[in-house]
């Protein structure tokens, strides 16, 4: 195909603008998008709250397995703190990371919860507006002027 043929083909194309989208179809697409977003955000929020709860509950076995036995050994005189400082530093570091992870997951879960509330309110308002538009359209169709039947011809009435 030469440049001349390509130019002719481009000129022969129908250059009509695309038809505007159907408002109902557009509304359905927006509402479907809102539903998908809310599902994803709900799943993320639930997952973050579960991680937060698991982290807080996981701190108890950590204490019972790492800290409490050492404290009992010191109390009974079986261990000496001067020889155990590195282990305590390691346990303290792990505990700090654990608390940081729990705090961050709690913060993210709280932010996701707030976002979920805000987005669900917006989605609800969009659904209400879509319903009102549909009801308004139905009322407009009911109010459309009804053409009266043509008057009866007096010559044929009898």
C-alpha atoms as a PDB file:
ATOM      1  CA  UNK A   1       0.000   0.000   0.000  1.00  0.00           C
ATOM      2  CA  UNK A   2       1.453   3.338  -1.012  1.00  0.00           C
ATOM      3  CA  UNK A   3       1.144   6.620   0.817  1.00  0.00           C
ATOM      4  CA  UNK A   4      -1.412   7.779  -1.697  1.00  0.00           C
ATOM      5  CA  UNK A   5      -3.581   4.693  -1.064  1.00  0.00           C
ATOM      6  CA  UNK A   6      -3.238   5.145   2.678  1.00  0.00           C
ATOM      7  CA  UNK A   7      -4.254   8.807   2.404  1.00  0.00           C
ATOM      8  CA  UNK A   8      -7.263   7.894   0.272  1.00  0.00           C
ATOM      9  CA  UNK A   9      -8.262   5.166   2.732  1.00  0.00           C
ATOM     10  CA  UNK A  10      -8.029   7.610   5.628  1.00  0.00           C
ATOM     11  CA  UNK A  11     -10.154  10.159   3.778  1.00  0.00           C
ATOM     12  CA  UNK A  12     -12.738   7.504   2.989  1.00  0.00           C
ATOM     13  CA  UNK A  13     -13.122   6.555   6.657  1.00  0.00           C
ATOM     14  CA  UNK A  14     -16.342   7.558   8.288  1.00  0.00           C
ATOM     15  CA  UNK A  15     -15.391  10.360  10.633  1.00  0.00           C
ATOM     16  CA  UNK A  16     -18.623  10.408  12.611  1.00  0.00           C
ATOM     17  CA  UNK A  17     -18.107  10.891  16.330  1.00  0.00           C
ATOM     18  CA  UNK A  18     -18.841   7.872  18.491  1.00  0.00           C
ATOM     19  CA  UNK A  19     -22.306   7.648  19.942  1.00  0.00           C
ATOM     20  CA  UNK A  20     -22.572   8.902  23.509  1.00  0.00           C
ATOM     21  CA  UNK A  21     -22.653   6.078  26.053  1.00  0.00           C
ATOM     22  CA  UNK A  22     -25.986   4.939  27.375  1.00  0.00           C
ATOM     23  CA  UNK A  23     -26.490   6.591  30.794  1.00  0.00           C
ATOM     24  CA  UNK A  24     -27.937   3.411  32.274  1.00  0.00           C
ATOM     25  CA  UNK A  25     -24.993   1.340  31.074  1.00  0.00           C
ATOM     26  CA  UNK A  26     -22.577   3.954  32.413  1.00  0.00           C
ATOM     27  CA  UNK A  27     -24.372   3.967  35.767  1.00  0.00           C
ATOM     28  CA  UNK A  28     -24.202   0.161  35.945  1.00  0.00           C
ATOM     29  CA  UNK A  29     -20.480   0.262  35.226  1.00  0.00           C
ATOM     30  CA  UNK A  30     -19.893   2.819  37.986  1.00  0.00           C
ATOM     31  CA  UNK A  31     -21.941   0.819  40.492  1.00  0.00           C
ATOM     32  CA  UNK A  32     -20.148  -2.410  39.546  1.00  0.00           C
ATOM     33  CA  UNK A  33     -16.795  -0.675  39.979  1.00  0.00           C
ATOM     34  CA  UNK A  34     -17.906   0.533  43.417  1.00  0.00           C
ATOM     35  CA  UNK A  35     -18.929  -3.004  44.402  1.00  0.00           C
ATOM     36  CA  UNK A  36     -15.568  -4.429  43.323  1.00  0.00           C
ATOM     37  CA  UNK A  37     -13.661  -1.732  45.205  1.00  0.00           C
ATOM     38  CA  UNK A  38     -15.692  -2.262  48.343  1.00  0.00           C
ATOM     39  CA  UNK A  39     -15.176  -6.039  48.201  1.00  0.00           C
ATOM     40  CA  UNK A  40     -11.411  -5.637  47.830  1.00  0.00           C
ATOM     41  CA  UNK A  41     -11.203  -3.035  50.567  1.00  0.00           C
ATOM     42  CA  UNK A  42     -13.358  -5.157  52.871  1.00  0.00           C
ATOM     43  CA  UNK A  43     -11.104  -8.167  52.338  1.00  0.00           C
ATOM     44  CA  UNK A  44      -7.993  -6.068  52.975  1.00  0.00           C
ATOM     45  CA  UNK A  45      -9.516  -4.540  56.107  1.00  0.00           C
ATOM     46  CA  UNK A  46     -10.504  -7.930  57.514  1.00  0.00           C
ATOM     47  CA  UNK A  47      -7.057  -9.354  56.724  1.00  0.00           C
ATOM     48  CA  UNK A  48      -5.307  -6.463  58.472  1.00  0.00           C
ATOM     49  CA  UNK A  49      -7.487  -6.779  61.569  1.00  0.00           C
ATOM     50  CA  UNK A  50      -6.811 -10.524  61.655  1.00  0.00           C
ATOM     51  CA  UNK A  51      -3.056  -9.903  61.373  1.00  0.00           C
ATOM     52  CA  UNK A  52      -3.272  -7.337  64.169  1.00  0.00           C
ATOM     53  CA  UNK A  53      -5.192  -9.684  66.452  1.00  0.00           C
ATOM     54  CA  UNK A  54      -2.843 -12.574  65.652  1.00  0.00           C
ATOM     55  CA  UNK A  55       0.136 -10.358  66.418  1.00  0.00           C
ATOM     56  CA  UNK A  56      -1.236  -9.268  69.767  1.00  0.00           C
ATOM     57  CA  UNK A  57      -2.185 -12.825  70.686  1.00  0.00           C
ATOM     58  CA  UNK A  58       1.179 -14.071  69.413  1.00  0.00           C
ATOM     59  CA  UNK A  59       2.970 -11.849  71.924  1.00  0.00           C
ATOM     60  CA  UNK A  60       1.702 -14.047  74.767  1.00  0.00           C
ATOM     61  CA  UNK A  61       3.497 -17.257  73.675  1.00  0.00           C
ATOM     62  CA  UNK A  62       6.571 -15.134  72.910  1.00  0.00           C
ATOM     63  CA  UNK A  63       6.597 -13.925  76.503  1.00  0.00           C
ATOM     64  CA  UNK A  64       5.880 -17.374  77.907  1.00  0.00           C
ATOM     65  CA  UNK A  65       8.623 -19.075  75.859  1.00  0.00           C
ATOM     66  CA  UNK A  66      11.354 -16.418  75.881  1.00  0.00           C
ATOM     67  CA  UNK A  67      10.994 -14.093  78.861  1.00  0.00           C
ATOM     68  CA  UNK A  68       9.251 -15.970  81.654  1.00  0.00           C
ATOM     69  CA  UNK A  69      11.709 -18.942  81.763  1.00  0.00           C
ATOM     70  CA  UNK A  70      14.670 -16.581  82.039  1.00  0.00           C
ATOM     71  CA  UNK A  71      13.018 -14.608  84.823  1.00  0.00           C
ATOM     72  CA  UNK A  72      12.240 -17.811  86.751  1.00  0.00           C
ATOM     73  CA  UNK A  73      15.856 -18.966  86.302  1.00  0.00           C
ATOM     74  CA  UNK A  74      17.153 -15.670  87.729  1.00  0.00           C
ATOM     75  CA  UNK A  75      14.756 -15.915  90.627  1.00  0.00           C
ATOM     76  CA  UNK A  76      15.827 -19.496  91.399  1.00  0.00           C
ATOM     77  CA  UNK A  77      19.510 -18.550  91.092  1.00  0.00           C
ATOM     78  CA  UNK A  78      20.172 -20.897  88.167  1.00  0.00           C
ATOM     79  CA  UNK A  79      21.188 -18.076  85.789  1.00  0.00           C
ATOM     80  CA  UNK A  80      23.380 -15.016  86.030  1.00  0.00           C
ATOM     81  CA  UNK A  81      22.351 -11.773  84.328  1.00  0.00           C
ATOM     82  CA  UNK A  82      25.961 -10.829  83.588  1.00  0.00           C
ATOM     83  CA  UNK A  83      26.338 -13.888  81.327  1.00  0.00           C
ATOM     84  CA  UNK A  84      22.937 -13.492  79.634  1.00  0.00           C
ATOM     85  CA  UNK A  85      22.970  -9.907  78.386  1.00  0.00           C
ATOM     86  CA  UNK A  86      23.220 -10.824  74.678  1.00  0.00           C
ATOM     87  CA  UNK A  87      20.151 -13.080  74.893  1.00  0.00           C
ATOM     88  CA  UNK A  88      18.192 -10.286  76.595  1.00  0.00           C
ATOM     89  CA  UNK A  89      19.242  -7.810  73.919  1.00  0.00           C
ATOM     90  CA  UNK A  90      18.070 -10.239  71.205  1.00  0.00           C
ATOM     91  CA  UNK A  91      14.745 -10.847  72.952  1.00  0.00           C
ATOM     92  CA  UNK A  92      14.262  -7.095  73.407  1.00  0.00           C
ATOM     93  CA  UNK A  93      14.980  -6.491  69.736  1.00  0.00           C
ATOM     94  CA  UNK A  94      12.504  -9.175  68.659  1.00  0.00           C
ATOM     95  CA  UNK A  95       9.889  -7.744  71.011  1.00  0.00           C
ATOM     96  CA  UNK A  96      10.418  -4.248  69.601  1.00  0.00           C
ATOM     97  CA  UNK A  97       9.983  -5.493  66.031  1.00  0.00           C
ATOM     98  CA  UNK A  98       6.899  -7.458  67.083  1.00  0.00           C
ATOM     99  CA  UNK A  99       5.317  -4.417  68.724  1.00  0.00           C
ATOM    100  CA  UNK A 100       6.186  -2.263  65.701  1.00  0.00           C
ATOM    101  CA  UNK A 101       4.597  -4.772  63.313  1.00  0.00           C
ATOM    102  CA  UNK A 102       1.449  -4.987  65.442  1.00  0.00           C
ATOM    103  CA  UNK A 103       1.224  -1.203  65.672  1.00  0.00           C
ATOM    104  CA  UNK A 104       1.646  -0.735  61.931  1.00  0.00           C
ATOM    105  CA  UNK A 105      -0.925  -3.398  61.072  1.00  0.00           C
ATOM    106  CA  UNK A 106      -3.352  -1.830  63.557  1.00  0.00           C
ATOM    107  CA  UNK A 107      -2.788   1.600  62.016  1.00  0.00           C
ATOM    108  CA  UNK A 108      -3.313   0.260  58.492  1.00  0.00           C
ATOM    109  CA  UNK A 109      -6.412  -1.646  59.590  1.00  0.00           C
ATOM    110  CA  UNK A 110      -7.852   1.516  61.151  1.00  0.00           C
ATOM    111  CA  UNK A 111      -7.123   3.544  58.005  1.00  0.00           C
ATOM    112  CA  UNK A 112      -8.722   0.859  55.830  1.00  0.00           C
ATOM    113  CA  UNK A 113     -11.762   0.850  58.108  1.00  0.00           C
ATOM    114  CA  UNK A 114     -12.178   4.619  57.739  1.00  0.00           C
ATOM    115  CA  UNK A 115     -11.714   4.351  53.971  1.00  0.00           C
ATOM    116  CA  UNK A 116     -14.270   1.539  53.865  1.00  0.00           C
ATOM    117  CA  UNK A 117     -16.831   3.663  55.696  1.00  0.00           C
ATOM    118  CA  UNK A 118     -16.250   6.662  53.417  1.00  0.00           C
ATOM    119  CA  UNK A 119     -16.318   4.633  50.198  1.00  0.00           C
ATOM    120  CA  UNK A 120     -19.387   2.676  51.247  1.00  0.00           C
ATOM    121  CA  UNK A 121     -21.219   5.940  51.957  1.00  0.00           C
ATOM    122  CA  UNK A 122     -20.281   7.258  48.516  1.00  0.00           C
ATOM    123  CA  UNK A 123     -21.346   4.019  46.863  1.00  0.00           C
ATOM    124  CA  UNK A 124     -24.644   4.096  48.735  1.00  0.00           C
ATOM    125  CA  UNK A 125     -25.288   7.676  47.619  1.00  0.00           C
ATOM    126  CA  UNK A 126     -24.512   6.718  44.028  1.00  0.00           C
ATOM    127  CA  UNK A 127     -26.956   3.823  44.240  1.00  0.00           C
ATOM    128  CA  UNK A 128     -29.625   6.101  45.694  1.00  0.00           C
ATOM    129  CA  UNK A 129     -29.017   8.692  42.959  1.00  0.00           C
ATOM    130  CA  UNK A 130     -29.208   6.019  40.269  1.00  0.00           C
ATOM    131  CA  UNK A 131     -32.506   4.802  41.720  1.00  0.00           C
ATOM    132  CA  UNK A 132     -33.867   8.342  41.884  1.00  0.00           C
ATOM    133  CA  UNK A 133     -32.886   8.993  38.269  1.00  0.00           C
ATOM    134  CA  UNK A 134     -34.700   5.827  37.235  1.00  0.00           C
ATOM    135  CA  UNK A 135     -37.805   6.774  39.238  1.00  0.00           C
ATOM    136  CA  UNK A 136     -37.685  10.293  37.783  1.00  0.00           C
ATOM    137  CA  UNK A 137     -37.550   8.860  34.264  1.00  0.00           C
ATOM    138  CA  UNK A 138     -40.532   6.624  34.992  1.00  0.00           C
ATOM    139  CA  UNK A 139     -42.509   9.578  36.375  1.00  0.00           C
ATOM    140  CA  UNK A 140     -41.641  11.618  33.297  1.00  0.00           C
ATOM    141  CA  UNK A 141     -42.979   8.827  31.100  1.00  0.00           C
ATOM    142  CA  UNK A 142     -46.184   8.648  33.141  1.00  0.00           C
ATOM    143  CA  UNK A 143     -46.691  12.415  32.875  1.00  0.00           C
ATOM    144  CA  UNK A 144     -46.165  12.470  29.127  1.00  0.00           C
ATOM    145  CA  UNK A 145     -49.179  14.105  27.515  1.00  0.00           C
ATOM    146  CA  UNK A 146     -51.593  11.507  26.329  1.00  0.00           C
ATOM    147  CA  UNK A 147     -53.067  12.387  22.993  1.00  0.00           C
ATOM    148  CA  UNK A 148     -56.851  12.382  23.291  1.00  0.00           C
ATOM    149  CA  UNK A 149     -58.723  10.115  20.919  1.00  0.00           C
ATOM    150  CA  UNK A 150     -59.962  11.894  17.813  1.00  0.00           C
ATOM    151  CA  UNK A 151     -63.475  13.271  18.193  1.00  0.00           C
ATOM    152  CA  UNK A 152     -66.203  11.084  16.851  1.00  0.00           C
ATOM    153  CA  UNK A 153     -67.535  12.074  13.442  1.00  0.00           C
ATOM    154  CA  UNK A 154     -71.094  13.362  13.939  1.00  0.00           C
ATOM    155  CA  UNK A 155     -72.136  11.946  10.595  1.00  0.00           C
ATOM    156  CA  UNK A 156     -71.247   8.399  11.633  1.00  0.00           C
ATOM    157  CA  UNK A 157     -72.592   8.716  15.149  1.00  0.00           C
ATOM    158  CA  UNK A 158     -75.989   7.499  15.329  1.00  0.00           C
END
